[in-house]
Protein backbone atom coordinates (compact mmCIF):
# COMPACT_ATOMS: atom_id res chain seq x y z
CA MET A 1 21.33 -2.71 27.81
CA LYS A 2 20.08 -2.87 24.21
CA VAL A 3 17.08 -0.72 25.11
CA PHE A 4 19.40 1.94 26.48
CA PHE A 5 21.60 1.67 23.38
CA VAL A 6 18.64 2.22 21.02
CA GLU A 7 17.36 5.16 23.06
CA LEU A 8 20.85 6.66 23.09
CA ILE A 9 21.23 6.41 19.29
CA ILE A 10 17.78 7.93 18.68
CA GLU A 11 18.43 10.77 21.10
CA LYS A 12 21.77 11.42 19.41
CA GLN A 13 20.03 11.67 16.05
CA ARG A 14 17.38 13.90 17.57
CA THR A 15 19.92 16.44 18.77
CA GLU A 16 22.23 16.31 15.73
CA SER A 17 19.69 16.47 12.90
CA LYS A 18 16.31 17.88 11.95
CA TRP A 19 14.69 14.68 10.71
CA PHE A 20 12.41 14.44 13.73
CA ASP A 21 10.61 17.48 12.32
CA MET A 22 9.98 15.84 8.93
CA ALA A 23 6.39 14.90 9.71
CA ASP A 24 5.59 18.60 10.07
CA ASP A 25 7.52 19.68 6.98
CA VAL A 26 5.70 19.75 3.66
CA GLU A 27 8.93 18.73 1.95
CA TYR A 28 8.69 15.29 3.55
CA LEU A 29 6.90 14.19 0.39
CA SER A 30 10.16 14.31 -1.53
CA ALA A 31 12.70 13.76 1.24
CA ASN A 32 13.19 10.01 0.90
CA VAL A 33 16.59 8.38 1.11
CA PRO A 34 17.42 6.03 -1.79
CA MET A 35 17.68 2.36 -0.92
CA HIS A 36 21.12 0.76 -0.81
CA THR A 37 22.44 -1.14 -3.77
CA ASN A 38 23.00 -4.84 -3.09
CA ALA A 39 26.72 -4.29 -2.54
CA ASP A 40 26.12 -1.40 -0.17
CA GLU A 41 23.49 -3.37 1.72
CA MET A 42 25.76 -6.38 2.16
CA SER A 43 28.49 -4.12 3.48
CA LEU A 44 26.03 -2.52 5.89
CA LEU A 45 24.73 -5.92 6.99
CA ASN A 46 28.25 -7.11 7.75
CA ALA A 47 28.87 -3.98 9.80
CA LEU A 48 25.61 -4.43 11.70
CA ARG A 49 26.41 -8.05 12.46
CA ALA A 50 29.79 -6.91 13.74
CA ARG A 51 27.88 -4.58 16.10
CA ASP A 52 29.33 -1.48 14.44
CA GLU A 53 27.64 1.43 16.23
CA SER A 54 28.18 3.83 13.32
CA ALA A 55 26.37 1.44 10.97
CA PHE A 56 23.39 1.22 13.31
CA THR A 57 23.40 5.00 13.70
CA GLN A 58 23.33 5.34 9.91
CA LEU A 59 20.39 2.95 9.68
CA VAL A 60 18.42 4.78 12.36
CA GLY A 61 19.13 8.10 10.68
CA GLN A 62 17.79 6.81 7.37
CA TYR A 63 14.64 5.03 8.49
CA HIS A 64 13.51 6.11 11.95
CA PRO A 65 11.28 9.02 10.78
CA SER A 66 9.67 6.72 8.21
CA LEU A 67 9.03 4.07 10.84
CA VAL A 68 7.37 6.56 13.17
CA ARG A 69 5.28 7.91 10.31
CA LEU A 70 4.22 4.39 9.25
CA ALA A 71 3.37 3.41 12.83
CA ARG A 72 1.31 6.58 13.17
CA LEU A 73 -0.97 5.26 10.41
CA PHE A 74 -1.89 2.30 12.61
CA VAL A 75 -2.09 3.89 16.07
CA GLN A 76 -3.62 7.14 17.24
CA ASP A 77 -0.92 8.39 19.59
CA GLU A 78 2.44 9.84 18.52
CA ALA A 79 4.16 8.54 21.66
CA VAL A 80 2.94 5.01 20.91
CA ALA A 81 4.24 5.33 17.34
CA GLU A 82 7.64 6.36 18.68
CA GLU A 83 7.58 3.42 21.09
CA LEU A 84 6.79 1.01 18.24
CA ALA A 85 9.69 2.36 16.23
CA GLN A 86 12.05 1.82 19.16
CA GLU A 87 10.72 -1.72 19.61
CA THR A 88 11.42 -2.29 15.94
CA TRP A 89 15.04 -1.24 16.33
CA LEU A 90 15.41 -3.63 19.25
CA ALA A 91 14.02 -6.41 17.07
CA VAL A 92 16.51 -5.47 14.35
CA LEU A 93 19.40 -5.71 16.82
CA ASN A 94 18.16 -9.05 18.11
CA GLY A 95 17.41 -10.52 14.71
CA ILE A 96 20.07 -9.14 12.38
CA ASP A 97 22.16 -12.31 12.65
CA HIS A 98 19.20 -14.32 11.39
CA PHE A 99 18.26 -12.01 8.53
CA GLU A 100 18.44 -14.19 5.40
CA GLY A 101 18.26 -11.49 2.77
CA ARG A 102 15.14 -12.83 1.04
CA SER A 103 13.93 -9.22 0.97
CA SER A 104 15.75 -5.93 1.16
CA LEU A 105 16.86 -4.75 4.58
CA LYS A 106 14.43 -1.84 4.35
CA THR A 107 11.50 -4.17 3.59
CA TRP A 108 12.45 -6.43 6.49
CA ILE A 109 12.58 -3.50 8.91
CA PHE A 110 9.27 -2.07 7.67
CA THR A 111 7.64 -5.49 7.97
CA ILE A 112 8.74 -5.79 11.61
CA LEU A 113 7.26 -2.37 12.34
CA THR A 114 4.02 -3.13 10.51
CA ASN A 115 3.49 -6.39 12.40
CA LYS A 116 4.07 -4.67 15.72
CA ALA A 117 1.81 -1.76 14.76
CA LYS A 118 -0.99 -4.10 13.66
CA THR A 119 -0.81 -5.93 17.00
CA ARG A 120 -0.88 -2.68 18.96
CA GLY A 121 -3.71 -1.37 16.76
CA GLN A 122 -5.77 -4.46 17.53
CA ARG A 123 -5.29 -3.84 21.24
CA GLU A 124 -6.51 -0.29 20.69
CA LYS A 125 -9.46 -1.68 18.70
CA ARG A 126 -8.10 0.09 15.62
CA THR A 127 -7.95 -2.56 12.90
CA ILE A 128 -7.27 -1.93 9.23
CA SER A 129 -8.40 -4.49 6.67
CA PHE A 130 -6.26 -5.16 3.62
CA SER A 131 -7.00 -8.79 2.84
CA ASP A 132 -10.56 -8.44 1.53
CA LEU A 133 -11.70 -5.45 -0.47
CA ASP A 134 -15.16 -4.36 0.59
CA ALA A 135 -17.85 -4.97 -2.03
CA THR A 136 -18.72 -1.28 -2.10
CA LEU A 137 -15.07 -0.45 -2.81
CA GLN A 138 -15.05 -2.81 -5.77
CA THR A 139 -18.18 -1.27 -7.30
CA GLN A 140 -17.58 2.36 -6.31
CA PRO A 141 -16.38 4.41 -9.33
CA THR A 142 -12.90 5.86 -9.11
CA VAL A 143 -13.81 8.87 -11.27
CA ASP A 144 -17.06 10.84 -11.14
CA PRO A 145 -19.42 9.13 -13.64
CA GLY A 146 -20.72 12.56 -14.62
CA ARG A 147 -17.46 13.17 -16.47
CA PHE A 148 -18.33 10.46 -19.02
CA ASN A 149 -20.92 10.21 -21.78
CA GLU A 150 -23.96 8.07 -21.05
CA SER A 151 -23.81 4.44 -22.11
CA ASN A 152 -26.66 5.05 -24.53
CA ALA A 153 -25.07 8.10 -26.14
CA GLU A 154 -25.18 8.13 -29.94
CA ALA A 155 -21.45 8.74 -30.20
CA TRP A 156 -18.52 7.95 -27.94
CA ALA A 157 -20.63 6.13 -25.34
CA ASN A 158 -18.86 5.86 -21.95
CA HIS A 159 -16.02 8.08 -23.19
CA TRP A 160 -14.90 11.32 -21.58
CA LYS A 161 -17.25 14.25 -22.11
CA THR A 162 -14.15 16.40 -21.83
CA GLU A 163 -10.77 14.78 -21.42
CA PRO A 164 -8.72 15.79 -18.38
CA ALA A 165 -6.71 18.88 -19.18
CA SER A 166 -2.96 18.52 -19.59
CA TRP A 167 -0.81 19.91 -16.79
CA SER A 168 2.13 20.51 -19.11
CA GLY A 169 1.51 24.25 -19.18
CA ILE A 170 1.43 24.64 -15.39
CA PRO A 171 4.69 26.08 -13.99
CA GLU A 172 6.78 23.64 -12.00
CA GLU A 173 6.77 26.10 -9.10
CA SER A 174 3.03 25.51 -8.70
CA PHE A 175 3.61 21.81 -8.06
CA LEU A 176 6.48 22.46 -5.66
CA SER A 177 4.82 25.25 -3.68
CA HIS A 178 4.07 24.80 0.01
CA GLU A 179 0.36 25.21 -0.70
CA THR A 180 0.35 22.36 -3.22
CA GLN A 181 2.46 20.11 -1.01
CA ASN A 182 0.15 20.81 1.92
CA LEU A 183 -2.85 19.95 -0.26
CA ILE A 184 -1.27 16.62 -1.19
CA ARG A 185 -0.54 15.86 2.45
CA ARG A 186 -4.05 16.78 3.60
CA THR A 187 -5.61 14.70 0.83
CA ILE A 188 -3.51 11.66 1.71
CA GLU A 189 -4.36 12.05 5.38
CA SER A 190 -8.08 12.16 4.54
CA LEU A 191 -8.02 8.86 2.66
CA PRO A 192 -9.42 5.64 4.13
CA ASP A 193 -6.78 3.95 6.29
CA ASN A 194 -5.91 1.15 3.88
CA GLN A 195 -5.59 3.49 0.89
CA ARG A 196 -3.56 5.98 2.94
CA ILE A 197 -1.07 3.35 4.07
CA VAL A 198 -0.58 1.93 0.59
CA ILE A 199 -0.02 5.30 -1.10
CA ASP A 200 2.28 6.35 1.73
CA LEU A 201 4.45 3.26 1.28
CA ARG A 202 4.48 3.51 -2.52
CA ASP A 203 4.72 7.24 -3.17
CA VAL A 204 6.20 8.68 0.03
CA GLN A 205 8.46 5.87 1.23
CA GLU A 206 9.08 4.75 -2.38
CA LEU A 207 8.67 1.02 -1.83
CA SER A 208 7.98 -1.14 -4.87
CA SER A 209 4.63 -2.88 -5.31
CA THR A 210 6.22 -6.20 -4.33
CA GLU A 211 7.73 -4.68 -1.21
CA VAL A 212 4.38 -3.15 -0.19
CA CYS A 213 2.66 -6.52 -0.65
CA ASN A 214 5.30 -8.17 1.54
CA VAL A 215 5.20 -5.48 4.22
CA LEU A 216 1.39 -5.47 4.50
CA GLY A 217 0.77 -9.11 3.64
CA ILE A 218 -1.67 -8.30 0.82
CA SER A 219 -2.14 -9.51 -2.73
CA GLU A 220 -0.88 -7.62 -5.76
CA THR A 221 -4.49 -7.09 -6.87
CA ASN A 222 -5.50 -5.45 -3.59
CA GLN A 223 -2.37 -3.31 -3.56
CA ARG A 224 -3.04 -2.15 -7.11
CA VAL A 225 -6.71 -1.30 -6.49
CA LEU A 226 -6.00 0.58 -3.25
CA LEU A 227 -3.14 2.53 -4.82
CA HIS A 228 -5.16 3.37 -7.93
CA ARG A 229 -8.05 4.75 -5.89
CA ALA A 230 -5.75 6.71 -3.59
CA ARG A 231 -3.84 8.26 -6.49
CA ALA A 232 -7.11 9.11 -8.28
CA LYS A 233 -8.32 11.06 -5.25
CA VAL A 234 -5.02 12.93 -4.94
CA ARG A 235 -5.09 13.75 -8.66
CA GLN A 236 -8.67 14.99 -8.42
CA ALA A 237 -7.74 17.24 -5.50
CA LEU A 238 -4.80 18.62 -7.49
CA GLU A 239 -6.96 19.13 -10.56
CA ASP A 240 -9.55 21.06 -8.56
CA TYR A 241 -6.83 23.20 -7.02
CA LEU A 242 -4.66 23.86 -10.08
CA GLN A 243 -7.51 24.21 -12.59
CA PRO A 244 -10.55 25.34 -10.61
CA GLU A 245 -12.29 26.50 -13.76
CA HIS A 246 -12.11 23.04 -15.29
């Protein structure tokens, strides 16, 4: 019965809104829904525990596209990602009475999805390592060494040869254009899996560093290194695109 209920809610959202097309819309990068305040979340929790259908519909409408997108980072098939998201909603229905509030509701839901996606990914022989940073990752430079002075330079050793140009003079429309948004999306999609997932959770889904660590089960150090490297690659792609002469 619960399976049918979840499928019914998702189908209702599919027919009444456009959020199922978000993954194909360049504006998905800035289309996040703000998290509830504590008071709002407690009110929502009480409604969910009372089996209020409208509250569950609201929750699905807010987070289902994000869950499918996150699952898609772990599995190769869109249908499997959709299935994992539905399984997550079933787990939410079954476990909402036992939710203790030690994390935000959003973090709890994302953690359920991530655990299910990791298990399915293992079955598909698609594993993503977050716990131990590869030695090459730790020694690999984030920025092209050629942009710095040699260590034996007479002046300003190891400093920038030419500092990165300021973007303050670039029109805002350039950053918001479809071409630029598409570039950001393509760059993120080309990142190594672990970097892609971390930057997606931080900068697309807007989770805090603590929430990302909880969702993925990684240390703050690993989260910080992966995010730094991912952002550096996105910035380099933007710099090459917006200032090709640089």
